[in-house]
Amino acid sequence: MAAPRSCGLWSYYGRGWSRAMRGCQLPGLPSSWPGGPLAARLLSQEKPATETHFGFETVSEEEKQGKVYQVFESVAKKYDLMNDAMSLGVHRVWKDLLLWKMNPLPGTQLLDVAGGTGDIAFRFLNYVQAQHQRKRKRQLKAQQNLSWEEIAKKYQNQEDSLGGSHVIVCDINKEMLKAGKQKAFAQGHKAGLTWVLGDAEELPFDDDKFDIYTIAFGIRNVTHIDRALQEAHRVLKPGGRFLCLEFSQVNNPLISRLYDLYSFQVIPVLGEVIAGDWKSYQYLVESIRRFPSQEEFKDMIEDGGFHKVAYESLTSGIVAIHSGFKL
């Protein structure tokens, strides 16, 4: 019986390894051992790209990230105007309800992810400022013996009108952040507001940092929703709250048919007329239909580590607010 062919030491270095090991079998090891013919074939095969959806289209995960970025880069300048046109202004009521459900107190640290144009952030700042002002008035009212000079001095000494509250708007798209900053300047929002370029799946923040995490009409555009939920859980403080406002599943058959007709026949046309972009708004409509139902998304949030998860459907389920806590 012939002895196995020996393998020279030179074969351990560089590309010579695979060539030398091809056909070289060591005693007691099967031909599938790394370096054998089978292993060489397996190693030479490239791992296929993982597929996902971009609206109704099937694409690679890497391709989806690029396509979603291009969508929001394209619509950033007309984003707020299109929101008003598509929802007939109702999106404002939905966002107001999100703030009402949040009910932030002065001192709250908020992270608003995919918050590009600042709609949630500005509402938050206005809300906590009003809360803080009401608190100060109650305190002054309780001190009836103060003179008007002393009252005026107390107001002047209150430099922080937000009571220590702060919101960070985090978005992956530079153009959306640019539009948000311009709107903040126009509306006079300066204090308590920071803009950060970042990915929802890999947030650039420390653990246990925020009291509340919000994401409004953004999570359905994330490639890996499970990773985004895990990141939300990571950056929230123990006791912190997750709030998501997102399009959902209509629960009335008649309204569902009318909603489909409006979504597919009207919204892309509005996108073309107002923003000069039919395809982006066709994608946005399709992405809504691909998003999980209220119950399915509730399960996903629980899988992300959250407790006391609940949701409230608005406008017959066209949108829903999901809530969960990090305990």
C-alpha atoms as a PDB file:
ATOM      1  CA  MET A   1       0.000   0.000   0.000  1.00  0.00           C
ATOM      2  CA  ALA A   2       1.514   3.302  -1.104  1.00  0.00           C
ATOM      3  CA  ALA A   3       2.203   5.916   1.533  1.00  0.00           C
ATOM      4  CA  PRO A   4       0.197   9.179   1.335  1.00  0.00           C
ATOM      5  CA  ARG A   5       1.860  11.895  -0.648  1.00  0.00           C
ATOM      6  CA  SER A   6       3.738  14.317   1.617  1.00  0.00           C
ATOM      7  CA  CYS A   7       2.978  18.026   1.691  1.00  0.00           C
ATOM      8  CA  GLY A   8       5.946  20.387   1.604  1.00  0.00           C
ATOM      9  CA  LEU A   9       6.309  23.121   4.251  1.00  0.00           C
ATOM     10  CA  TRP A  10       6.251  25.737   1.521  1.00  0.00           C
ATOM     11  CA  SER A  11       2.588  24.988   1.017  1.00  0.00           C
ATOM     12  CA  TYR A  12       1.649  26.609   4.356  1.00  0.00           C
ATOM     13  CA  TYR A  13       2.350  30.075   3.055  1.00  0.00           C
ATOM     14  CA  GLY A  14       0.239  32.305   0.831  1.00  0.00           C
ATOM     15  CA  ARG A  15      -1.724  31.039  -2.088  1.00  0.00           C
ATOM     16  CA  GLY A  16       0.466  27.919  -2.299  1.00  0.00           C
ATOM     17  CA  TRP A  17      -1.614  26.360   0.532  1.00  0.00           C
ATOM     18  CA  SER A  18      -4.693  25.587  -1.532  1.00  0.00           C
ATOM     19  CA  ARG A  19      -2.707  24.388  -4.518  1.00  0.00           C
ATOM     20  CA  ALA A  20      -0.506  22.083  -2.451  1.00  0.00           C
ATOM     21  CA  MET A  21      -3.349  20.661  -0.369  1.00  0.00           C
ATOM     22  CA  ARG A  22      -5.448  19.882  -3.422  1.00  0.00           C
ATOM     23  CA  GLY A  23      -5.154  16.121  -3.740  1.00  0.00           C
ATOM     24  CA  CYS A  24      -3.103  15.865  -0.540  1.00  0.00           C
ATOM     25  CA  GLN A  25      -4.712  13.529   2.019  1.00  0.00           C
ATOM     26  CA  LEU A  26      -3.287  13.158   5.514  1.00  0.00           C
ATOM     27  CA  PRO A  27      -3.480   9.805   7.300  1.00  0.00           C
ATOM     28  CA  GLY A  28      -6.721   9.288   9.239  1.00  0.00           C
ATOM     29  CA  LEU A  29      -8.471  12.371   7.838  1.00  0.00           C
ATOM     30  CA  PRO A  30     -11.361  12.252   5.317  1.00  0.00           C
ATOM     31  CA  SER A  31     -11.178  13.951   1.972  1.00  0.00           C
ATOM     32  CA  SER A  32     -13.711  16.530   3.219  1.00  0.00           C
ATOM     33  CA  TRP A  33     -11.155  17.857   5.730  1.00  0.00           C
ATOM     34  CA  PRO A  34     -10.215  21.526   4.991  1.00  0.00           C
ATOM     35  CA  GLY A  35      -7.798  21.369   2.115  1.00  0.00           C
ATOM     36  CA  GLY A  36      -9.449  18.307   0.595  1.00  0.00           C
ATOM     37  CA  PRO A  37     -11.309  18.458  -2.741  1.00  0.00           C
ATOM     38  CA  LEU A  38     -14.787  18.892  -1.175  1.00  0.00           C
ATOM     39  CA  ALA A  39     -13.677  21.677   1.163  1.00  0.00           C
ATOM     40  CA  ALA A  40     -11.896  23.440  -1.676  1.00  0.00           C
ATOM     41  CA  ARG A  41     -15.141  23.496  -3.663  1.00  0.00           C
ATOM     42  CA  LEU A  42     -17.160  24.793  -0.680  1.00  0.00           C
ATOM     43  CA  LEU A  43     -14.677  27.530   0.129  1.00  0.00           C
ATOM     44  CA  SER A  44     -14.624  28.674  -3.466  1.00  0.00           C
ATOM     45  CA  GLN A  45     -18.364  29.274  -3.497  1.00  0.00           C
ATOM     46  CA  GLU A  46     -19.410  32.802  -2.608  1.00  0.00           C
ATOM     47  CA  LYS A  47     -22.167  33.246  -0.042  1.00  0.00           C
ATOM     48  CA  PRO A  48     -25.305  34.417  -1.856  1.00  0.00           C
ATOM     49  CA  ALA A  49     -26.610  37.849  -0.954  1.00  0.00           C
ATOM     50  CA  THR A  50     -29.555  37.794   1.456  1.00  0.00           C
ATOM     51  CA  GLU A  51     -32.737  38.985  -0.196  1.00  0.00           C
ATOM     52  CA  THR A  52     -35.404  41.294   1.182  1.00  0.00           C
ATOM     53  CA  HIS A  53     -38.186  43.447  -0.207  1.00  0.00           C
ATOM     54  CA  PHE A  54     -38.186  46.984  -1.551  1.00  0.00           C
ATOM     55  CA  GLY A  55     -41.884  47.628  -1.832  1.00  0.00           C
ATOM     56  CA  PHE A  56     -43.176  44.757  -3.947  1.00  0.00           C
ATOM     57  CA  GLU A  57     -39.746  44.213  -5.521  1.00  0.00           C
ATOM     58  CA  THR A  58     -37.280  41.567  -4.289  1.00  0.00           C
ATOM     59  CA  VAL A  59     -33.752  42.927  -3.891  1.00  0.00           C
ATOM     60  CA  SER A  60     -30.589  42.213  -1.937  1.00  0.00           C
ATOM     61  CA  GLU A  61     -30.293  43.756   1.522  1.00  0.00           C
ATOM     62  CA  GLU A  62     -27.427  45.959   0.409  1.00  0.00           C
ATOM     63  CA  GLU A  63     -29.416  47.121  -2.614  1.00  0.00           C
ATOM     64  CA  LYS A  64     -32.434  47.990  -0.442  1.00  0.00           C
ATOM     65  CA  GLN A  65     -30.366  50.248   1.800  1.00  0.00           C
ATOM     66  CA  GLY A  66     -29.195  52.204  -1.227  1.00  0.00           C
ATOM     67  CA  LYS A  67     -32.642  52.410  -2.779  1.00  0.00           C
ATOM     68  CA  VAL A  68     -34.305  53.621   0.441  1.00  0.00           C
ATOM     69  CA  TYR A  69     -31.600  56.247   0.852  1.00  0.00           C
ATOM     70  CA  GLN A  70     -32.228  57.472  -2.700  1.00  0.00           C
ATOM     71  CA  VAL A  71     -35.991  57.663  -2.052  1.00  0.00           C
ATOM     72  CA  PHE A  72     -35.657  59.996   0.925  1.00  0.00           C
ATOM     73  CA  GLU A  73     -32.823  61.950  -0.654  1.00  0.00           C
ATOM     74  CA  SER A  74     -35.174  62.610  -3.552  1.00  0.00           C
ATOM     75  CA  VAL A  75     -38.260  63.589  -1.526  1.00  0.00           C
ATOM     76  CA  ALA A  76     -36.589  65.484   1.356  1.00  0.00           C
ATOM     77  CA  LYS A  77     -37.375  69.007   0.117  1.00  0.00           C
ATOM     78  CA  LYS A  78     -41.059  68.220  -0.486  1.00  0.00           C
ATOM     79  CA  TYR A  79     -41.475  65.668   2.310  1.00  0.00           C
ATOM     80  CA  ASP A  80     -43.613  67.780   4.653  1.00  0.00           C
ATOM     81  CA  LEU A  81     -45.734  69.180   1.824  1.00  0.00           C
ATOM     82  CA  MET A  82     -46.378  65.681   0.495  1.00  0.00           C
ATOM     83  CA  ASN A  83     -47.344  64.452   3.984  1.00  0.00           C
ATOM     84  CA  ASP A  84     -50.022  67.140   4.116  1.00  0.00           C
ATOM     85  CA  ALA A  85     -51.228  66.339   0.605  1.00  0.00           C
ATOM     86  CA  MET A  86     -51.287  62.543   1.015  1.00  0.00           C
ATOM     87  CA  SER A  87     -53.015  62.506   4.405  1.00  0.00           C
ATOM     88  CA  LEU A  88     -55.095  65.671   3.877  1.00  0.00           C
ATOM     89  CA  GLY A  89     -53.323  67.007   6.953  1.00  0.00           C
ATOM     90  CA  VAL A  90     -54.403  64.145   9.226  1.00  0.00           C
ATOM     91  CA  HIS A  91     -50.770  63.156   9.854  1.00  0.00           C
ATOM     92  CA  ARG A  92     -50.554  66.207  12.124  1.00  0.00           C
ATOM     93  CA  VAL A  93     -53.333  64.825  14.333  1.00  0.00           C
ATOM     94  CA  TRP A  94     -51.619  61.413  14.477  1.00  0.00           C
ATOM     95  CA  LYS A  95     -48.358  63.025  15.607  1.00  0.00           C
ATOM     96  CA  ASP A  96     -50.167  65.148  18.176  1.00  0.00           C
ATOM     97  CA  LEU A  97     -51.741  61.963  19.561  1.00  0.00           C
ATOM     98  CA  LEU A  98     -48.283  60.384  19.782  1.00  0.00           C
ATOM     99  CA  LEU A  99     -47.127  63.306  21.959  1.00  0.00           C
ATOM    100  CA  TRP A 100     -50.274  63.109  24.060  1.00  0.00           C
ATOM    101  CA  LYS A 101     -49.603  59.411  24.662  1.00  0.00           C
ATOM    102  CA  MET A 102     -45.942  60.150  25.426  1.00  0.00           C
ATOM    103  CA  ASN A 103     -46.818  62.919  27.894  1.00  0.00           C
ATOM    104  CA  PRO A 104     -43.167  63.908  28.476  1.00  0.00           C
ATOM    105  CA  LEU A 105     -42.234  65.802  31.610  1.00  0.00           C
ATOM    106  CA  PRO A 106     -39.591  68.548  31.895  1.00  0.00           C
ATOM    107  CA  GLY A 107     -36.179  66.869  32.012  1.00  0.00           C
ATOM    108  CA  THR A 108     -37.094  64.070  29.569  1.00  0.00           C
ATOM    109  CA  GLN A 109     -34.298  62.872  27.286  1.00  0.00           C
ATOM    110  CA  LEU A 110     -35.800  61.842  23.926  1.00  0.00           C
ATOM    111  CA  LEU A 111     -34.252  60.044  20.972  1.00  0.00           C
ATOM    112  CA  ASP A 112     -36.285  60.483  17.781  1.00  0.00           C
ATOM    113  CA  VAL A 113     -35.034  58.031  15.150  1.00  0.00           C
ATOM    114  CA  ALA A 114     -35.729  58.555  11.433  1.00  0.00           C
ATOM    115  CA  GLY A 115     -36.945  61.980  12.558  1.00  0.00           C
ATOM    116  CA  GLY A 116     -35.384  63.870   9.635  1.00  0.00           C
ATOM    117  CA  THR A 117     -37.607  66.923   9.225  1.00  0.00           C
ATOM    118  CA  GLY A 118     -38.206  67.289  12.962  1.00  0.00           C
ATOM    119  CA  ASP A 119     -41.990  66.958  13.243  1.00  0.00           C
ATOM    120  CA  ILE A 120     -41.861  64.867  16.429  1.00  0.00           C
ATOM    121  CA  ALA A 121     -38.913  66.762  17.895  1.00  0.00           C
ATOM    122  CA  PHE A 122     -40.569  70.171  17.523  1.00  0.00           C
ATOM    123  CA  ARG A 123     -43.799  68.906  19.044  1.00  0.00           C
ATOM    124  CA  PHE A 124     -41.806  67.483  21.943  1.00  0.00           C
ATOM    125  CA  LEU A 125     -40.014  70.786  22.569  1.00  0.00           C
ATOM    126  CA  ASN A 126     -43.270  72.761  22.459  1.00  0.00           C
ATOM    127  CA  TYR A 127     -44.952  70.256  24.766  1.00  0.00           C
ATOM    128  CA  VAL A 128     -42.276  70.197  27.481  1.00  0.00           C
ATOM    129  CA  GLN A 129     -41.867  73.968  27.286  1.00  0.00           C
ATOM    130  CA  ALA A 130     -45.595  74.417  27.924  1.00  0.00           C
ATOM    131  CA  GLN A 131     -45.402  71.893  30.770  1.00  0.00           C
ATOM    132  CA  HIS A 132     -42.458  73.717  32.319  1.00  0.00           C
ATOM    133  CA  GLN A 133     -44.184  77.087  32.064  1.00  0.00           C
ATOM    134  CA  ARG A 134     -47.318  75.743  33.734  1.00  0.00           C
ATOM    135  CA  LYS A 135     -45.170  74.331  36.536  1.00  0.00           C
ATOM    136  CA  ARG A 136     -43.468  77.690  37.094  1.00  0.00           C
ATOM    137  CA  LYS A 137     -46.801  79.506  37.184  1.00  0.00           C
ATOM    138  CA  ARG A 138     -48.117  77.092  39.790  1.00  0.00           C
ATOM    139  CA  GLN A 139     -45.006  77.637  41.910  1.00  0.00           C
ATOM    140  CA  LEU A 140     -45.310  81.416  41.692  1.00  0.00           C
ATOM    141  CA  LYS A 141     -49.022  81.329  42.364  1.00  0.00           C
ATOM    142  CA  ALA A 142     -48.325  79.438  45.572  1.00  0.00           C
ATOM    143  CA  GLN A 143     -46.061  82.296  46.715  1.00  0.00           C
ATOM    144  CA  GLN A 144     -48.650  85.072  46.951  1.00  0.00           C
ATOM    145  CA  ASN A 145     -46.476  87.229  49.191  1.00  0.00           C
ATOM    146  CA  LEU A 146     -43.869  87.902  46.487  1.00  0.00           C
ATOM    147  CA  SER A 147     -43.634  91.385  44.996  1.00  0.00           C
ATOM    148  CA  TRP A 148     -43.847  91.854  41.262  1.00  0.00           C
ATOM    149  CA  GLU A 149     -40.098  92.607  41.175  1.00  0.00           C
ATOM    150  CA  GLU A 150     -39.358  89.274  42.833  1.00  0.00           C
ATOM    151  CA  ILE A 151     -41.702  87.454  40.434  1.00  0.00           C
ATOM    152  CA  ALA A 152     -40.036  89.128  37.433  1.00  0.00           C
ATOM    153  CA  LYS A 153     -36.603  88.198  38.776  1.00  0.00           C
ATOM    154  CA  LYS A 154     -37.626  84.550  39.159  1.00  0.00           C
ATOM    155  CA  TYR A 155     -38.783  84.454  35.525  1.00  0.00           C
ATOM    156  CA  GLN A 156     -35.526  86.062  34.350  1.00  0.00           C
ATOM    157  CA  ASN A 157     -33.444  83.535  36.290  1.00  0.00           C
ATOM    158  CA  GLN A 158     -35.199  80.637  34.541  1.00  0.00           C
ATOM    159  CA  GLU A 159     -32.831  80.412  31.569  1.00  0.00           C
ATOM    160  CA  ASP A 160     -33.763  76.840  30.651  1.00  0.00           C
ATOM    161  CA  SER A 161     -37.333  77.057  29.391  1.00  0.00           C
ATOM    162  CA  LEU A 162     -37.350  73.280  28.787  1.00  0.00           C
ATOM    163  CA  GLY A 163     -36.603  72.224  32.352  1.00  0.00           C
ATOM    164  CA  GLY A 164     -33.570  70.203  31.254  1.00  0.00           C
ATOM    165  CA  SER A 165     -35.337  68.342  28.427  1.00  0.00           C
ATOM    166  CA  HIS A 166     -33.409  67.464  25.305  1.00  0.00           C
ATOM    167  CA  VAL A 167     -34.187  65.718  22.021  1.00  0.00           C
ATOM    168  CA  ILE A 168     -31.745  64.134  19.597  1.00  0.00           C
ATOM    169  CA  VAL A 169     -32.994  63.694  16.050  1.00  0.00           C
ATOM    170  CA  CYS A 170     -31.180  60.761  14.452  1.00  0.00           C
ATOM    171  CA  ASP A 171     -31.545  60.038  10.745  1.00  0.00           C
ATOM    172  CA  ILE A 172     -29.468  58.118   8.229  1.00  0.00           C
ATOM    173  CA  ASN A 173     -30.205  60.572   5.420  1.00  0.00           C
ATOM    174  CA  LYS A 174     -28.228  63.818   5.161  1.00  0.00           C
ATOM    175  CA  GLU A 175     -30.837  65.558   3.023  1.00  0.00           C
ATOM    176  CA  MET A 176     -33.624  64.832   5.502  1.00  0.00           C
ATOM    177  CA  LEU A 177     -31.499  66.236   8.343  1.00  0.00           C
ATOM    178  CA  LYS A 178     -30.706  69.284   6.235  1.00  0.00           C
ATOM    179  CA  ALA A 179     -34.423  69.909   5.675  1.00  0.00           C
ATOM    180  CA  GLY A 180     -35.054  69.484   9.403  1.00  0.00           C
ATOM    181  CA  LYS A 181     -32.359  71.967  10.392  1.00  0.00           C
ATOM    182  CA  GLN A 182     -33.745  74.542   7.985  1.00  0.00           C
ATOM    183  CA  LYS A 183     -37.225  74.111   9.437  1.00  0.00           C
ATOM    184  CA  ALA A 184     -35.864  74.371  13.002  1.00  0.00           C
ATOM    185  CA  PHE A 185     -34.185  77.657  12.145  1.00  0.00           C
ATOM    186  CA  ALA A 186     -37.382  78.998  10.540  1.00  0.00           C
ATOM    187  CA  GLN A 187     -39.458  78.043  13.593  1.00  0.00           C
ATOM    188  CA  GLY A 188     -36.923  79.366  16.096  1.00  0.00           C
ATOM    189  CA  HIS A 189     -35.968  76.022  17.680  1.00  0.00           C
ATOM    190  CA  LYS A 190     -32.431  76.160  19.060  1.00  0.00           C
ATOM    191  CA  ALA A 191     -32.262  75.016  22.683  1.00  0.00           C
ATOM    192  CA  GLY A 192     -32.568  71.379  23.654  1.00  0.00           C
ATOM    193  CA  LEU A 193     -32.141  70.071  20.108  1.00  0.00           C
ATOM    194  CA  THR A 194     -29.334  68.077  18.476  1.00  0.00           C
ATOM    195  CA  TRP A 195     -29.097  66.542  14.999  1.00  0.00           C
ATOM    196  CA  VAL A 196     -27.151  63.303  14.497  1.00  0.00           C
ATOM    197  CA  LEU A 197     -26.442  61.299  11.358  1.00  0.00           C
ATOM    198  CA  GLY A 198     -26.926  57.647  12.301  1.00  0.00           C
ATOM    199  CA  ASP A 199     -28.334  54.243  11.400  1.00  0.00           C
ATOM    200  CA  ALA A 200     -31.339  52.853  13.306  1.00  0.00           C
ATOM    201  CA  GLU A 201     -29.715  49.399  13.163  1.00  0.00           C
ATOM    202  CA  GLU A 202     -26.469  50.617  14.741  1.00  0.00           C
ATOM    203  CA  LEU A 203     -27.168  53.695  16.835  1.00  0.00           C
ATOM    204  CA  PRO A 204     -24.137  55.847  17.764  1.00  0.00           C
ATOM    205  CA  PHE A 205     -25.173  56.179  21.425  1.00  0.00           C
ATOM    206  CA  ASP A 206     -24.256  54.578  24.742  1.00  0.00           C
ATOM    207  CA  ASP A 207     -26.406  52.041  26.560  1.00  0.00           C
ATOM    208  CA  ASP A 208     -29.168  53.198  28.939  1.00  0.00           C
ATOM    209  CA  LYS A 209     -29.071  56.819  27.741  1.00  0.00           C
ATOM    210  CA  PHE A 210     -32.639  57.917  26.882  1.00  0.00           C
ATOM    211  CA  ASP A 211     -35.982  58.100  28.662  1.00  0.00           C
ATOM    212  CA  ILE A 212     -38.047  57.766  25.482  1.00  0.00           C
ATOM    213  CA  TYR A 213     -37.350  56.441  21.981  1.00  0.00           C
ATOM    214  CA  THR A 214     -39.682  57.435  19.139  1.00  0.00           C
ATOM    215  CA  ILE A 215     -39.800  56.473  15.494  1.00  0.00           C
ATOM    216  CA  ALA A 216     -42.608  57.826  13.315  1.00  0.00           C
ATOM    217  CA  PHE A 217     -43.236  56.471   9.820  1.00  0.00           C
ATOM    218  CA  GLY A 218     -39.675  55.203   9.624  1.00  0.00           C
ATOM    219  CA  ILE A 219     -39.344  51.668  10.902  1.00  0.00           C
ATOM    220  CA  ARG A 220     -40.932  50.051   7.854  1.00  0.00           C
ATOM    221  CA  ASN A 221     -38.020  51.404   5.770  1.00  0.00           C
ATOM    222  CA  VAL A 222     -35.401  49.683   7.944  1.00  0.00           C
ATOM    223  CA  THR A 223     -33.796  46.612   6.377  1.00  0.00           C
ATOM    224  CA  HIS A 224     -33.649  44.613   9.638  1.00  0.00           C
ATOM    225  CA  ILE A 225     -36.525  45.672  11.875  1.00  0.00           C
ATOM    226  CA  ASP A 226     -35.437  43.221  14.585  1.00  0.00           C
ATOM    227  CA  ARG A 227     -32.015  44.896  14.835  1.00  0.00           C
ATOM    228  CA  ALA A 228     -33.592  48.350  15.052  1.00  0.00           C
ATOM    229  CA  LEU A 229     -35.821  47.174  17.911  1.00  0.00           C
ATOM    230  CA  GLN A 230     -32.853  45.664  19.741  1.00  0.00           C
ATOM    231  CA  GLU A 231     -30.961  48.935  19.368  1.00  0.00           C
ATOM    232  CA  ALA A 232     -33.949  50.873  20.682  1.00  0.00           C
ATOM    233  CA  HIS A 233     -33.984  48.605  23.727  1.00  0.00           C
ATOM    234  CA  ARG A 234     -30.229  49.014  24.250  1.00  0.00           C
ATOM    235  CA  VAL A 235     -30.161  52.815  24.317  1.00  0.00           C
ATOM    236  CA  LEU A 236     -33.212  53.229  26.556  1.00  0.00           C
ATOM    237  CA  LYS A 237     -32.771  53.562  30.304  1.00  0.00           C
ATOM    238  CA  PRO A 238     -34.397  50.902  32.522  1.00  0.00           C
ATOM    239  CA  GLY A 239     -38.012  52.044  32.718  1.00  0.00           C
ATOM    240  CA  GLY A 240     -37.660  53.835  29.380  1.00  0.00           C
ATOM    241  CA  ARG A 241     -40.414  53.795  26.794  1.00  0.00           C
ATOM    242  CA  PHE A 242     -40.504  52.813  23.117  1.00  0.00           C
ATOM    243  CA  LEU A 243     -43.123  54.540  20.950  1.00  0.00           C
ATOM    244  CA  CYS A 244     -43.682  53.856  17.259  1.00  0.00           C
ATOM    245  CA  LEU A 245     -46.165  55.588  14.960  1.00  0.00           C
ATOM    246  CA  GLU A 246     -46.489  53.655  11.729  1.00  0.00           C
ATOM    247  CA  PHE A 247     -48.896  52.802   8.935  1.00  0.00           C
ATOM    248  CA  SER A 248     -50.687  49.581   9.698  1.00  0.00           C
ATOM    249  CA  GLN A 249     -53.516  47.266   8.633  1.00  0.00           C
ATOM    250  CA  VAL A 250     -56.979  48.719   8.004  1.00  0.00           C
ATOM    251  CA  ASN A 251     -59.612  46.748   9.885  1.00  0.00           C
ATOM    252  CA  ASN A 252     -62.704  47.874   7.959  1.00  0.00           C
ATOM    253  CA  PRO A 253     -63.249  46.056   4.593  1.00  0.00           C
ATOM    254  CA  LEU A 254     -64.990  49.006   2.908  1.00  0.00           C
ATOM    255  CA  ILE A 255     -62.415  51.548   4.095  1.00  0.00           C
ATOM    256  CA  SER A 256     -59.657  49.104   3.105  1.00  0.00           C
ATOM    257  CA  ARG A 257     -60.884  49.026  -0.516  1.00  0.00           C
ATOM    258  CA  LEU A 258     -61.170  52.807  -0.686  1.00  0.00           C
ATOM    259  CA  TYR A 259     -57.772  53.175   0.969  1.00  0.00           C
ATOM    260  CA  ASP A 260     -56.148  50.860  -1.589  1.00  0.00           C
ATOM    261  CA  LEU A 261     -57.734  52.774  -4.443  1.00  0.00           C
ATOM    262  CA  TYR A 262     -56.514  56.101  -3.050  1.00  0.00           C
ATOM    263  CA  SER A 263     -53.046  54.757  -2.219  1.00  0.00           C
ATOM    264  CA  PHE A 264     -52.228  53.192  -5.577  1.00  0.00           C
ATOM    265  CA  GLN A 265     -54.140  55.522  -7.922  1.00  0.00           C
ATOM    266  CA  VAL A 266     -53.786  58.938  -6.251  1.00  0.00           C
ATOM    267  CA  ILE A 267     -50.656  59.083  -4.064  1.00  0.00           C
ATOM    268  CA  PRO A 268     -48.119  58.314  -6.844  1.00  0.00           C
ATOM    269  CA  VAL A 269     -49.811  60.958  -9.003  1.00  0.00           C
ATOM    270  CA  LEU A 270     -49.513  63.487  -6.168  1.00  0.00           C
ATOM    271  CA  GLY A 271     -45.852  62.503  -5.875  1.00  0.00           C
ATOM    272  CA  GLU A 272     -45.303  63.247  -9.543  1.00  0.00           C
ATOM    273  CA  VAL A 273     -47.222  66.554  -9.515  1.00  0.00           C
ATOM    274  CA  ILE A 274     -45.876  67.963  -6.220  1.00  0.00           C
ATOM    275  CA  ALA A 275     -42.436  66.368  -5.843  1.00  0.00           C
ATOM    276  CA  GLY A 276     -41.735  65.331  -9.430  1.00  0.00           C
ATOM    277  CA  ASP A 277     -41.187  61.756  -8.238  1.00  0.00           C
ATOM    278  CA  TRP A 278     -43.693  59.014  -9.052  1.00  0.00           C
ATOM    279  CA  LYS A 279     -41.446  56.044  -8.229  1.00  0.00           C
ATOM    280  CA  SER A 280     -40.548  57.096  -4.681  1.00  0.00           C
ATOM    281  CA  TYR A 281     -44.177  57.434  -3.677  1.00  0.00           C
ATOM    282  CA  GLN A 282     -45.088  54.200  -5.413  1.00  0.00           C
ATOM    283  CA  TYR A 283     -42.465  52.554  -3.195  1.00  0.00           C
ATOM    284  CA  LEU A 284     -43.828  54.260  -0.063  1.00  0.00           C
ATOM    285  CA  VAL A 285     -47.308  52.922  -0.799  1.00  0.00           C
ATOM    286  CA  GLU A 286     -45.972  49.417  -1.445  1.00  0.00           C
ATOM    287  CA  SER A 287     -43.825  49.496   1.710  1.00  0.00           C
ATOM    288  CA  ILE A 288     -46.957  50.189   3.763  1.00  0.00           C
ATOM    289  CA  ARG A 289     -48.599  47.050   2.393  1.00  0.00           C
ATOM    290  CA  ARG A 290     -45.531  44.960   3.193  1.00  0.00           C
ATOM    291  CA  PHE A 291     -45.356  46.092   6.823  1.00  0.00           C
ATOM    292  CA  PRO A 292     -46.575  43.614   9.483  1.00  0.00           C
ATOM    293  CA  SER A 293     -50.058  43.870  10.996  1.00  0.00           C
ATOM    294  CA  GLN A 294     -50.611  45.386  14.437  1.00  0.00           C
ATOM    295  CA  GLU A 295     -50.461  42.010  16.189  1.00  0.00           C
ATOM    296  CA  GLU A 296     -47.442  40.807  14.225  1.00  0.00           C
ATOM    297  CA  PHE A 297     -45.507  43.981  14.970  1.00  0.00           C
ATOM    298  CA  LYS A 298     -46.500  43.729  18.634  1.00  0.00           C
ATOM    299  CA  ASP A 299     -44.882  40.270  18.711  1.00  0.00           C
ATOM    300  CA  MET A 300     -41.733  41.665  17.094  1.00  0.00           C
ATOM    301  CA  ILE A 301     -41.469  44.399  19.730  1.00  0.00           C
ATOM    302  CA  GLU A 302     -41.789  41.809  22.488  1.00  0.00           C
ATOM    303  CA  ASP A 303     -39.082  39.716  20.791  1.00  0.00           C
ATOM    304  CA  GLY A 304     -36.894  42.839  20.931  1.00  0.00           C
ATOM    305  CA  GLY A 305     -36.987  42.652  24.736  1.00  0.00           C
ATOM    306  CA  PHE A 306     -39.815  45.061  25.555  1.00  0.00           C
ATOM    307  CA  HIS A 307     -42.548  44.489  28.120  1.00  0.00           C
ATOM    308  CA  LYS A 308     -46.117  45.730  28.547  1.00  0.00           C
ATOM    309  CA  VAL A 309     -46.368  46.069  24.768  1.00  0.00           C
ATOM    310  CA  ALA A 310     -49.641  47.492  23.486  1.00  0.00           C
ATOM    311  CA  TYR A 311     -50.964  49.339  20.469  1.00  0.00           C
ATOM    312  CA  GLU A 312     -53.766  51.690  19.539  1.00  0.00           C
ATOM    313  CA  SER A 313     -55.162  51.760  16.004  1.00  0.00           C
ATOM    314  CA  LEU A 314     -56.067  55.193  14.622  1.00  0.00           C
ATOM    315  CA  THR A 315     -58.344  56.075  11.693  1.00  0.00           C
ATOM    316  CA  SER A 316     -59.654  52.509  11.277  1.00  0.00           C
ATOM    317  CA  GLY A 317     -56.144  51.076  11.449  1.00  0.00           C
ATOM    318  CA  ILE A 318     -54.556  53.207   8.725  1.00  0.00           C
ATOM    319  CA  VAL A 319     -51.923  53.937  11.354  1.00  0.00           C
ATOM    320  CA  ALA A 320     -51.180  52.558  14.813  1.00  0.00           C
ATOM    321  CA  ILE A 321     -49.187  53.689  17.819  1.00  0.00           C
ATOM    322  CA  HIS A 322     -47.205  50.864  19.429  1.00  0.00           C
ATOM    323  CA  SER A 323     -45.792  51.234  22.926  1.00  0.00           C
ATOM    324  CA  GLY A 324     -43.423  49.134  25.038  1.00  0.00           C
ATOM    325  CA  PHE A 325     -41.212  49.512  28.105  1.00  0.00           C
ATOM    326  CA  LYS A 326     -37.690  48.440  28.983  1.00  0.00           C
ATOM    327  CA  LEU A 327     -38.022  46.860  32.404  1.00  0.00           C
END
